[in-house]
Amino acid sequence: MLKDEAILTIIRGALKEDIGRGDITSSIVIPPGFKVSACIYFKEDGVLCGADIAETVFSLLSADIRIKVNAKDGDFIEKGKAIIYLEGPANAILSGERVALNFLGHLSGIATKTRMYADKLKPFNVMLMDTRKTTPNLRILEKYAVKSGGGHNHRFGLFDQVLIKDNHLAILKRNSKNKIKPFIESAVKDARKKVTKNVKVEIEISNLEEFKKVLSSNPDIIMLDNMPPAVIKEAVILRNTHKPKILLEASGGITLDNISEYAKTGVDMISVGALTHSVKSIDVSLEIVG
């Protein structure tokens, strides 16, 4: 993962943002070359993500820091367990502390929330998907955190999958004198003609009438947006009589309390924006131990 230059750029940018011209407090109060031992630990239960990110933070600051990682991304960590041990120049360790903890806390928060949703789906053959509701410039890390927690990545951006959404259809409707079926079919067919075979075509609909009309256009995936489970179940029954098979994705208003009801409908995927857009960070701390 860390061989990706985009991730190294994110880490370097975070260090530059925090350290700037230099850590003036540590340079004033800590003697040059003074060495310490430290550990990073969870102050609450959670799923670890970002251990290699934190390791890279300290490695970029000093080659003299010895680092031992005591767990791997995706591991469940109990409160109080040390996950990383550090030994080396105190100034470098303190300079990287907040950046490392911010990455660890944020990414572990996403992994932990994802694990909670994924556990709810264990009895069902349903994939838990993330969305593009991510922090600007941190998407590659946040989607990695979703995978660490047991989820799956939806499209990374606007460039790797066709997803015809409600606003696309609203614009097409304004530009068309036809009823809904013709311009929906046209949108899907045009997409098929203009993209390569390995690019999936998905379309978002919001009611059973639209679903019935779009089914014959044969997209790869139909997103059932903000539809109640009872209606989604009807859509699944209709889909099951259609060939070729079209994947169904439930989305919108899905929470830990109701995700099982959506999974019972027989959909193939459930996407949850809350995996990334409103996650509480795990409380992670660094303590000097020697």
C-alpha atoms as a PDB file:
ATOM      1  CA  MET A   1       0.000   0.000   0.000  1.00  0.00           C
ATOM      2  CA  LEU A   2       2.659   2.501   0.998  1.00  0.00           C
ATOM      3  CA  LYS A   3       4.486   2.065  -2.298  1.00  0.00           C
ATOM      4  CA  ASP A   4       1.753   4.250  -3.740  1.00  0.00           C
ATOM      5  CA  GLU A   5       3.251   7.719  -4.224  1.00  0.00           C
ATOM      6  CA  ALA A   6      -0.181   9.274  -3.642  1.00  0.00           C
ATOM      7  CA  ILE A   7      -0.190   7.953  -0.066  1.00  0.00           C
ATOM      8  CA  LEU A   8       3.337   9.157   0.622  1.00  0.00           C
ATOM      9  CA  THR A   9       2.289  12.573  -0.675  1.00  0.00           C
ATOM     10  CA  ILE A  10      -0.613  12.620   1.799  1.00  0.00           C
ATOM     11  CA  ILE A  11       1.678  11.722   4.705  1.00  0.00           C
ATOM     12  CA  ARG A  12       4.318  14.279   3.737  1.00  0.00           C
ATOM     13  CA  GLY A  13       1.624  16.928   3.355  1.00  0.00           C
ATOM     14  CA  ALA A  14       0.246  16.180   6.804  1.00  0.00           C
ATOM     15  CA  LEU A  15       3.716  16.477   8.347  1.00  0.00           C
ATOM     16  CA  LYS A  16       4.365  19.748   6.570  1.00  0.00           C
ATOM     17  CA  GLU A  17       1.003  21.107   7.711  1.00  0.00           C
ATOM     18  CA  ASP A  18       1.728  20.296  11.368  1.00  0.00           C
ATOM     19  CA  ILE A  19       5.472  20.874  11.670  1.00  0.00           C
ATOM     20  CA  GLY A  20       5.893  23.737   9.208  1.00  0.00           C
ATOM     21  CA  ARG A  21       9.239  25.451   9.835  1.00  0.00           C
ATOM     22  CA  GLY A  22       9.875  23.167  12.819  1.00  0.00           C
ATOM     23  CA  ASP A  23       8.570  21.974  16.181  1.00  0.00           C
ATOM     24  CA  ILE A  24       9.664  24.991  18.207  1.00  0.00           C
ATOM     25  CA  THR A  25       8.460  23.633  21.561  1.00  0.00           C
ATOM     26  CA  SER A  26      10.401  20.378  21.367  1.00  0.00           C
ATOM     27  CA  SER A  27      13.504  22.120  19.988  1.00  0.00           C
ATOM     28  CA  ILE A  28      13.475  24.499  22.958  1.00  0.00           C
ATOM     29  CA  VAL A  29      12.740  22.132  25.848  1.00  0.00           C
ATOM     30  CA  ILE A  30      14.237  18.803  24.699  1.00  0.00           C
ATOM     31  CA  PRO A  31      18.059  18.417  24.565  1.00  0.00           C
ATOM     32  CA  PRO A  32      19.345  17.581  21.053  1.00  0.00           C
ATOM     33  CA  GLY A  33      19.867  13.851  20.503  1.00  0.00           C
ATOM     34  CA  PHE A  34      18.020  12.858  23.677  1.00  0.00           C
ATOM     35  CA  LYS A  35      16.473   9.409  23.191  1.00  0.00           C
ATOM     36  CA  VAL A  36      13.283   7.964  24.649  1.00  0.00           C
ATOM     37  CA  SER A  37      10.985   4.960  24.404  1.00  0.00           C
ATOM     38  CA  ALA A  38       7.281   5.358  23.702  1.00  0.00           C
ATOM     39  CA  CYS A  39       4.216   3.288  22.952  1.00  0.00           C
ATOM     40  CA  ILE A  40       1.013   3.994  21.068  1.00  0.00           C
ATOM     41  CA  TYR A  41      -2.100   2.356  22.452  1.00  0.00           C
ATOM     42  CA  PHE A  42      -5.895   2.318  22.075  1.00  0.00           C
ATOM     43  CA  LYS A  43      -7.864   4.040  24.832  1.00  0.00           C
ATOM     44  CA  GLU A  44     -11.018   2.213  23.714  1.00  0.00           C
ATOM     45  CA  ASP A  45     -11.890  -0.999  21.885  1.00  0.00           C
ATOM     46  CA  GLY A  46     -11.701  -0.794  18.112  1.00  0.00           C
ATOM     47  CA  VAL A  47     -10.447  -2.185  14.811  1.00  0.00           C
ATOM     48  CA  LEU A  48      -6.936  -1.109  13.892  1.00  0.00           C
ATOM     49  CA  CYS A  49      -6.208   0.671  10.635  1.00  0.00           C
ATOM     50  CA  GLY A  50      -3.223   2.810   9.714  1.00  0.00           C
ATOM     51  CA  ALA A  51      -0.393   1.010  11.506  1.00  0.00           C
ATOM     52  CA  ASP A  52       1.843   1.234   8.445  1.00  0.00           C
ATOM     53  CA  ILE A  53       0.846   4.881   7.975  1.00  0.00           C
ATOM     54  CA  ALA A  54       1.979   5.702  11.511  1.00  0.00           C
ATOM     55  CA  GLU A  55       5.193   3.752  10.995  1.00  0.00           C
ATOM     56  CA  THR A  56       5.917   5.766   7.850  1.00  0.00           C
ATOM     57  CA  VAL A  57       5.261   9.060   9.650  1.00  0.00           C
ATOM     58  CA  PHE A  58       8.069   8.371  12.113  1.00  0.00           C
ATOM     59  CA  SER A  59      10.375   6.840   9.498  1.00  0.00           C
ATOM     60  CA  LEU A  60      10.139   9.990   7.394  1.00  0.00           C
ATOM     61  CA  LEU A  61      11.149  12.114  10.388  1.00  0.00           C
ATOM     62  CA  SER A  62      14.167  10.095  11.466  1.00  0.00           C
ATOM     63  CA  ALA A  63      15.961   6.983  10.299  1.00  0.00           C
ATOM     64  CA  ASP A  64      17.139   6.548  13.891  1.00  0.00           C
ATOM     65  CA  ILE A  65      13.696   5.704  15.261  1.00  0.00           C
ATOM     66  CA  ARG A  66      13.289   1.986  15.883  1.00  0.00           C
ATOM     67  CA  ILE A  67       9.692   0.909  15.350  1.00  0.00           C
ATOM     68  CA  LYS A  68       7.951  -2.299  16.369  1.00  0.00           C
ATOM     69  CA  VAL A  69       4.347  -2.798  15.251  1.00  0.00           C
ATOM     70  CA  ASN A  70       2.522  -5.200  17.545  1.00  0.00           C
ATOM     71  CA  ALA A  71      -0.671  -5.674  15.478  1.00  0.00           C
ATOM     72  CA  LYS A  72      -1.874  -5.518  11.889  1.00  0.00           C
ATOM     73  CA  ASP A  73      -4.590  -3.562  10.172  1.00  0.00           C
ATOM     74  CA  GLY A  74      -7.947  -5.264  10.575  1.00  0.00           C
ATOM     75  CA  ASP A  75      -7.141  -6.649  14.035  1.00  0.00           C
ATOM     76  CA  PHE A  76      -9.604  -5.994  16.846  1.00  0.00           C
ATOM     77  CA  ILE A  77      -7.723  -4.084  19.556  1.00  0.00           C
ATOM     78  CA  GLU A  78      -8.838  -4.029  23.158  1.00  0.00           C
ATOM     79  CA  LYS A  79      -8.666  -0.864  25.248  1.00  0.00           C
ATOM     80  CA  GLY A  80      -5.208  -0.362  26.723  1.00  0.00           C
ATOM     81  CA  LYS A  81      -3.341  -2.591  24.285  1.00  0.00           C
ATOM     82  CA  ALA A  82      -0.105  -1.143  22.891  1.00  0.00           C
ATOM     83  CA  ILE A  83       0.029  -1.434  19.111  1.00  0.00           C
ATOM     84  CA  ILE A  84       3.309   0.344  18.282  1.00  0.00           C
ATOM     85  CA  TYR A  85       6.562   0.672  20.222  1.00  0.00           C
ATOM     86  CA  LEU A  86       9.038   3.434  19.402  1.00  0.00           C
ATOM     87  CA  GLU A  87      12.614   4.083  20.464  1.00  0.00           C
ATOM     88  CA  GLY A  88      14.765   6.946  19.263  1.00  0.00           C
ATOM     89  CA  PRO A  89      15.262  10.734  19.205  1.00  0.00           C
ATOM     90  CA  ALA A  90      12.662  12.387  21.425  1.00  0.00           C
ATOM     91  CA  ASN A  91      12.317  15.433  19.152  1.00  0.00           C
ATOM     92  CA  ALA A  92      11.422  13.322  16.121  1.00  0.00           C
ATOM     93  CA  ILE A  93       8.967  11.154  18.063  1.00  0.00           C
ATOM     94  CA  LEU A  94       7.173  14.186  19.512  1.00  0.00           C
ATOM     95  CA  SER A  95       7.137  15.925  16.138  1.00  0.00           C
ATOM     96  CA  GLY A  96       5.365  12.975  14.523  1.00  0.00           C
ATOM     97  CA  GLU A  97       3.060  12.164  17.425  1.00  0.00           C
ATOM     98  CA  ARG A  98      -0.049  14.107  16.446  1.00  0.00           C
ATOM     99  CA  VAL A  99       0.086  13.298  12.732  1.00  0.00           C
ATOM    100  CA  ALA A 100       0.496   9.578  13.430  1.00  0.00           C
ATOM    101  CA  LEU A 101      -2.307   9.565  16.003  1.00  0.00           C
ATOM    102  CA  ASN A 102      -4.645  11.527  13.724  1.00  0.00           C
ATOM    103  CA  PHE A 103      -4.221   8.998  10.942  1.00  0.00           C
ATOM    104  CA  LEU A 104      -4.560   6.050  13.322  1.00  0.00           C
ATOM    105  CA  GLY A 105      -7.627   7.435  15.092  1.00  0.00           C
ATOM    106  CA  HIS A 106      -9.486   8.458  11.947  1.00  0.00           C
ATOM    107  CA  LEU A 107      -8.787   5.336   9.904  1.00  0.00           C
ATOM    108  CA  SER A 108      -9.397   3.008  12.851  1.00  0.00           C
ATOM    109  CA  GLY A 109     -12.713   4.785  13.437  1.00  0.00           C
ATOM    110  CA  ILE A 110     -13.768   3.969   9.866  1.00  0.00           C
ATOM    111  CA  ALA A 111     -12.572   0.366  10.170  1.00  0.00           C
ATOM    112  CA  THR A 112     -14.414  -0.024  13.466  1.00  0.00           C
ATOM    113  CA  LYS A 113     -17.696   1.362  12.121  1.00  0.00           C
ATOM    114  CA  THR A 114     -17.357  -0.792   9.014  1.00  0.00           C
ATOM    115  CA  ARG A 115     -16.820  -3.918  11.146  1.00  0.00           C
ATOM    116  CA  MET A 116     -20.029  -3.150  13.044  1.00  0.00           C
ATOM    117  CA  TYR A 117     -22.005  -3.032   9.791  1.00  0.00           C
ATOM    118  CA  ALA A 118     -20.191  -6.029   8.308  1.00  0.00           C
ATOM    119  CA  ASP A 119     -20.986  -8.126  11.379  1.00  0.00           C
ATOM    120  CA  LYS A 120     -24.684  -7.373  10.862  1.00  0.00           C
ATOM    121  CA  LEU A 121     -24.439  -8.785   7.332  1.00  0.00           C
ATOM    122  CA  LYS A 122     -22.670 -12.039   8.253  1.00  0.00           C
ATOM    123  CA  PRO A 123     -25.873 -14.150   8.087  1.00  0.00           C
ATOM    124  CA  PHE A 124     -26.601 -12.870   4.574  1.00  0.00           C
ATOM    125  CA  ASN A 125     -24.928 -13.119   1.178  1.00  0.00           C
ATOM    126  CA  VAL A 126     -24.746  -9.336   0.814  1.00  0.00           C
ATOM    127  CA  MET A 127     -21.723  -7.113   0.154  1.00  0.00           C
ATOM    128  CA  LEU A 128     -21.248  -3.989   2.263  1.00  0.00           C
ATOM    129  CA  MET A 129     -20.150  -1.108   0.027  1.00  0.00           C
ATOM    130  CA  ASP A 130     -18.697   2.319   0.729  1.00  0.00           C
ATOM    131  CA  THR A 131     -19.453   5.522  -1.220  1.00  0.00           C
ATOM    132  CA  ARG A 132     -17.705   8.672  -2.473  1.00  0.00           C
ATOM    133  CA  LYS A 133     -18.735  10.530   0.696  1.00  0.00           C
ATOM    134  CA  THR A 134     -15.142  10.808   1.846  1.00  0.00           C
ATOM    135  CA  THR A 135     -12.791  13.497   3.146  1.00  0.00           C
ATOM    136  CA  PRO A 136     -11.221  15.402   0.224  1.00  0.00           C
ATOM    137  CA  ASN A 137      -7.739  14.061  -0.601  1.00  0.00           C
ATOM    138  CA  LEU A 138      -8.067  11.170   1.880  1.00  0.00           C
ATOM    139  CA  ARG A 139     -10.263   8.856  -0.206  1.00  0.00           C
ATOM    140  CA  ILE A 140      -7.537   6.321  -0.936  1.00  0.00           C
ATOM    141  CA  LEU A 141      -6.880   5.915   2.802  1.00  0.00           C
ATOM    142  CA  GLU A 142     -10.525   5.924   3.850  1.00  0.00           C
ATOM    143  CA  LYS A 143     -11.475   3.287   1.295  1.00  0.00           C
ATOM    144  CA  TYR A 144      -8.536   1.209   2.502  1.00  0.00           C
ATOM    145  CA  ALA A 145      -9.928   1.554   6.033  1.00  0.00           C
ATOM    146  CA  VAL A 146     -13.308   0.268   4.837  1.00  0.00           C
ATOM    147  CA  LYS A 147     -11.594  -2.829   3.436  1.00  0.00           C
ATOM    148  CA  SER A 148      -9.664  -3.269   6.691  1.00  0.00           C
ATOM    149  CA  GLY A 149     -12.994  -3.320   8.526  1.00  0.00           C
ATOM    150  CA  GLY A 150     -14.480  -5.975   6.258  1.00  0.00           C
ATOM    151  CA  GLY A 151     -16.308  -3.828   3.712  1.00  0.00           C
ATOM    152  CA  HIS A 152     -15.917  -3.452  -0.052  1.00  0.00           C
ATOM    153  CA  ASN A 153     -15.094  -0.477  -2.233  1.00  0.00           C
ATOM    154  CA  HIS A 154     -17.634   0.962  -4.630  1.00  0.00           C
ATOM    155  CA  ARG A 155     -16.289   3.055  -7.536  1.00  0.00           C
ATOM    156  CA  PHE A 156     -13.257   5.098  -6.519  1.00  0.00           C
ATOM    157  CA  GLY A 157     -14.285   8.203  -8.435  1.00  0.00           C
ATOM    158  CA  LEU A 158     -16.201   9.509 -11.420  1.00  0.00           C
ATOM    159  CA  PHE A 159     -13.731   7.921 -13.821  1.00  0.00           C
ATOM    160  CA  ASP A 160     -13.996   4.177 -13.186  1.00  0.00           C
ATOM    161  CA  GLN A 161     -17.700   3.317 -13.362  1.00  0.00           C
ATOM    162  CA  VAL A 162     -20.843   4.681 -14.968  1.00  0.00           C
ATOM    163  CA  LEU A 163     -23.444   5.580 -12.344  1.00  0.00           C
ATOM    164  CA  ILE A 164     -26.465   7.381 -13.790  1.00  0.00           C
ATOM    165  CA  LYS A 165     -27.974   9.206 -10.808  1.00  0.00           C
ATOM    166  CA  ASP A 166     -31.158  11.182 -10.179  1.00  0.00           C
ATOM    167  CA  ASN A 167     -29.653  14.483 -11.317  1.00  0.00           C
ATOM    168  CA  HIS A 168     -28.473  12.937 -14.586  1.00  0.00           C
ATOM    169  CA  LEU A 169     -32.025  11.700 -15.187  1.00  0.00           C
ATOM    170  CA  ALA A 170     -33.502  15.064 -14.189  1.00  0.00           C
ATOM    171  CA  ILE A 171     -31.363  16.791 -16.826  1.00  0.00           C
ATOM    172  CA  LEU A 172     -32.244  14.171 -19.453  1.00  0.00           C
ATOM    173  CA  LYS A 173     -35.936  14.573 -18.629  1.00  0.00           C
ATOM    174  CA  ARG A 174     -35.732  18.341 -19.143  1.00  0.00           C
ATOM    175  CA  ASN A 175     -34.055  17.734 -22.477  1.00  0.00           C
ATOM    176  CA  SER A 176     -36.521  15.081 -23.650  1.00  0.00           C
ATOM    177  CA  LYS A 177     -40.132  15.151 -24.799  1.00  0.00           C
ATOM    178  CA  ASN A 178     -40.399  11.415 -24.196  1.00  0.00           C
ATOM    179  CA  LYS A 179     -41.654   9.625 -21.105  1.00  0.00           C
ATOM    180  CA  ILE A 180     -39.327   8.166 -18.507  1.00  0.00           C
ATOM    181  CA  LYS A 181     -38.693   4.764 -20.114  1.00  0.00           C
ATOM    182  CA  PRO A 182     -37.244   6.009 -23.429  1.00  0.00           C
ATOM    183  CA  PHE A 183     -34.697   8.392 -21.957  1.00  0.00           C
ATOM    184  CA  ILE A 184     -33.646   5.962 -19.230  1.00  0.00           C
ATOM    185  CA  GLU A 185     -33.137   3.222 -21.794  1.00  0.00           C
ATOM    186  CA  SER A 186     -31.301   5.652 -24.027  1.00  0.00           C
ATOM    187  CA  ALA A 187     -28.965   6.686 -21.179  1.00  0.00           C
ATOM    188  CA  VAL A 188     -28.045   3.087 -20.398  1.00  0.00           C
ATOM    189  CA  LYS A 189     -27.650   2.121 -24.065  1.00  0.00           C
ATOM    190  CA  ASP A 190     -25.508   5.173 -24.796  1.00  0.00           C
ATOM    191  CA  ALA A 191     -23.322   4.305 -21.824  1.00  0.00           C
ATOM    192  CA  ARG A 192     -22.913   0.755 -23.100  1.00  0.00           C
ATOM    193  CA  LYS A 193     -21.786   2.016 -26.504  1.00  0.00           C
ATOM    194  CA  LYS A 194     -19.303   4.546 -25.176  1.00  0.00           C
ATOM    195  CA  VAL A 195     -17.451   2.620 -22.448  1.00  0.00           C
ATOM    196  CA  THR A 196     -15.241  -0.440 -22.625  1.00  0.00           C
ATOM    197  CA  LYS A 197     -16.655  -3.835 -21.698  1.00  0.00           C
ATOM    198  CA  ASN A 198     -14.968  -3.969 -18.298  1.00  0.00           C
ATOM    199  CA  VAL A 199     -16.609  -0.711 -17.113  1.00  0.00           C
ATOM    200  CA  LYS A 200     -19.818  -1.393 -15.211  1.00  0.00           C
ATOM    201  CA  VAL A 201     -22.984   0.578 -15.921  1.00  0.00           C
ATOM    202  CA  GLU A 202     -25.233   1.337 -12.945  1.00  0.00           C
ATOM    203  CA  ILE A 203     -28.405   3.402 -12.733  1.00  0.00           C
ATOM    204  CA  GLU A 204     -30.171   4.830  -9.695  1.00  0.00           C
ATOM    205  CA  ILE A 205     -33.952   4.659  -9.379  1.00  0.00           C
ATOM    206  CA  SER A 206     -36.277   5.553  -6.525  1.00  0.00           C
ATOM    207  CA  ASN A 207     -39.543   3.628  -7.009  1.00  0.00           C
ATOM    208  CA  LEU A 208     -40.925   0.381  -8.370  1.00  0.00           C
ATOM    209  CA  GLU A 209     -42.375   2.009 -11.482  1.00  0.00           C
ATOM    210  CA  GLU A 210     -38.947   3.264 -12.526  1.00  0.00           C
ATOM    211  CA  PHE A 211     -37.459  -0.130 -11.670  1.00  0.00           C
ATOM    212  CA  LYS A 212     -39.869  -1.967 -13.973  1.00  0.00           C
ATOM    213  CA  LYS A 213     -39.069   0.427 -16.813  1.00  0.00           C
ATOM    214  CA  VAL A 214     -35.291   0.292 -16.429  1.00  0.00           C
ATOM    215  CA  LEU A 215     -35.054  -3.479 -16.000  1.00  0.00           C
ATOM    216  CA  SER A 216     -35.266  -4.119 -19.751  1.00  0.00           C
ATOM    217  CA  SER A 217     -32.320  -1.802 -20.470  1.00  0.00           C
ATOM    218  CA  ASN A 218     -29.998  -4.369 -18.811  1.00  0.00           C
ATOM    219  CA  PRO A 219     -27.603  -2.253 -16.740  1.00  0.00           C
ATOM    220  CA  ASP A 220     -25.049  -4.199 -14.712  1.00  0.00           C
ATOM    221  CA  ILE A 221     -26.416  -2.783 -11.438  1.00  0.00           C
ATOM    222  CA  ILE A 222     -29.597  -1.013 -10.386  1.00  0.00           C
ATOM    223  CA  MET A 223     -29.364   1.150  -7.281  1.00  0.00           C
ATOM    224  CA  LEU A 224     -32.575   1.162  -5.240  1.00  0.00           C
ATOM    225  CA  ASP A 225     -32.331   4.545  -3.561  1.00  0.00           C
ATOM    226  CA  ASN A 226     -34.313   5.347  -0.416  1.00  0.00           C
ATOM    227  CA  MET A 227     -36.809   2.566  -1.076  1.00  0.00           C
ATOM    228  CA  PRO A 228     -38.358   0.717   1.894  1.00  0.00           C
ATOM    229  CA  PRO A 229     -37.471  -2.964   2.357  1.00  0.00           C
ATOM    230  CA  ALA A 230     -40.965  -4.164   1.395  1.00  0.00           C
ATOM    231  CA  VAL A 231     -40.735  -2.435  -1.982  1.00  0.00           C
ATOM    232  CA  ILE A 232     -37.151  -3.594  -2.505  1.00  0.00           C
ATOM    233  CA  LYS A 233     -38.304  -7.162  -1.924  1.00  0.00           C
ATOM    234  CA  GLU A 234     -40.801  -6.737  -4.788  1.00  0.00           C
ATOM    235  CA  ALA A 235     -37.987  -5.468  -6.996  1.00  0.00           C
ATOM    236  CA  VAL A 236     -35.863  -8.506  -6.107  1.00  0.00           C
ATOM    237  CA  ILE A 237     -38.692 -10.851  -7.096  1.00  0.00           C
ATOM    238  CA  LEU A 238     -39.019  -9.088 -10.462  1.00  0.00           C
ATOM    239  CA  ARG A 239     -35.235  -9.155 -10.960  1.00  0.00           C
ATOM    240  CA  ASN A 240     -35.116 -12.892 -10.270  1.00  0.00           C
ATOM    241  CA  THR A 241     -37.306 -13.555 -13.308  1.00  0.00           C
ATOM    242  CA  HIS A 242     -35.094 -11.444 -15.585  1.00  0.00           C
ATOM    243  CA  LYS A 243     -32.158 -12.578 -17.693  1.00  0.00           C
ATOM    244  CA  PRO A 244     -29.312 -11.708 -17.744  1.00  0.00           C
ATOM    245  CA  LYS A 245     -29.045 -11.278 -13.997  1.00  0.00           C
ATOM    246  CA  ILE A 246     -28.766  -7.680 -12.840  1.00  0.00           C
ATOM    247  CA  LEU A 247     -27.190  -6.885  -9.485  1.00  0.00           C
ATOM    248  CA  LEU A 248     -29.275  -4.840  -7.050  1.00  0.00           C
ATOM    249  CA  GLU A 249     -27.845  -2.302  -4.619  1.00  0.00           C
ATOM    250  CA  ALA A 250     -29.834  -0.838  -1.725  1.00  0.00           C
ATOM    251  CA  SER A 251     -28.832   2.656  -0.644  1.00  0.00           C
ATOM    252  CA  GLY A 252     -30.097   5.573   1.408  1.00  0.00           C
ATOM    253  CA  GLY A 253     -31.211   5.771   5.034  1.00  0.00           C
ATOM    254  CA  ILE A 254     -29.579   2.479   5.989  1.00  0.00           C
ATOM    255  CA  THR A 255     -28.346   2.253   9.578  1.00  0.00           C
ATOM    256  CA  LEU A 256     -27.071  -0.363  12.001  1.00  0.00           C
ATOM    257  CA  ASP A 257     -30.621  -0.691  13.310  1.00  0.00           C
ATOM    258  CA  ASN A 258     -32.246  -1.497   9.961  1.00  0.00           C
ATOM    259  CA  ILE A 259     -29.506  -2.967   7.761  1.00  0.00           C
ATOM    260  CA  SER A 260     -30.595  -6.536   8.521  1.00  0.00           C
ATOM    261  CA  GLU A 261     -34.082  -5.775   7.171  1.00  0.00           C
ATOM    262  CA  TYR A 262     -32.554  -4.570   3.908  1.00  0.00           C
ATOM    263  CA  ALA A 263     -30.279  -7.612   3.721  1.00  0.00           C
ATOM    264  CA  LYS A 264     -33.270  -9.949   4.090  1.00  0.00           C
ATOM    265  CA  THR A 265     -34.781  -8.588   0.870  1.00  0.00           C
ATOM    266  CA  GLY A 266     -32.261 -10.458  -1.266  1.00  0.00           C
ATOM    267  CA  VAL A 267     -30.265  -7.525  -2.658  1.00  0.00           C
ATOM    268  CA  ASP A 268     -26.669  -8.153  -3.655  1.00  0.00           C
ATOM    269  CA  MET A 269     -25.095  -5.022  -2.193  1.00  0.00           C
ATOM    270  CA  ILE A 270     -25.844  -2.403   0.442  1.00  0.00           C
ATOM    271  CA  SER A 271     -24.010   0.919   0.306  1.00  0.00           C
ATOM    272  CA  VAL A 272     -23.625   3.053   3.425  1.00  0.00           C
ATOM    273  CA  GLY A 273     -22.247   6.590   3.301  1.00  0.00           C
ATOM    274  CA  ALA A 274     -21.931   6.666   7.089  1.00  0.00           C
ATOM    275  CA  LEU A 275     -18.928   4.341   6.889  1.00  0.00           C
ATOM    276  CA  THR A 276     -16.833   7.385   5.981  1.00  0.00           C
ATOM    277  CA  HIS A 277     -18.796  10.636   6.141  1.00  0.00           C
ATOM    278  CA  SER A 278     -19.589  10.884   9.862  1.00  0.00           C
ATOM    279  CA  VAL A 279     -17.308   8.549  11.761  1.00  0.00           C
ATOM    280  CA  LYS A 280     -16.032   9.062  15.304  1.00  0.00           C
ATOM    281  CA  SER A 281     -12.281   8.582  15.564  1.00  0.00           C
ATOM    282  CA  ILE A 282     -10.906   5.928  17.885  1.00  0.00           C
ATOM    283  CA  ASP A 283      -9.132   7.484  20.877  1.00  0.00           C
ATOM    284  CA  VAL A 284      -5.441   6.652  20.405  1.00  0.00           C
ATOM    285  CA  SER A 285      -2.604   7.923  22.572  1.00  0.00           C
ATOM    286  CA  LEU A 286       1.197   8.013  22.665  1.00  0.00           C
ATOM    287  CA  GLU A 287       2.910   7.653  26.029  1.00  0.00           C
ATOM    288  CA  ILE A 288       6.590   8.065  26.890  1.00  0.00           C
ATOM    289  CA  VAL A 289       7.586   4.915  28.781  1.00  0.00           C
ATOM    290  CA  GLY A 290      11.316   5.239  29.088  1.00  0.00           C
END
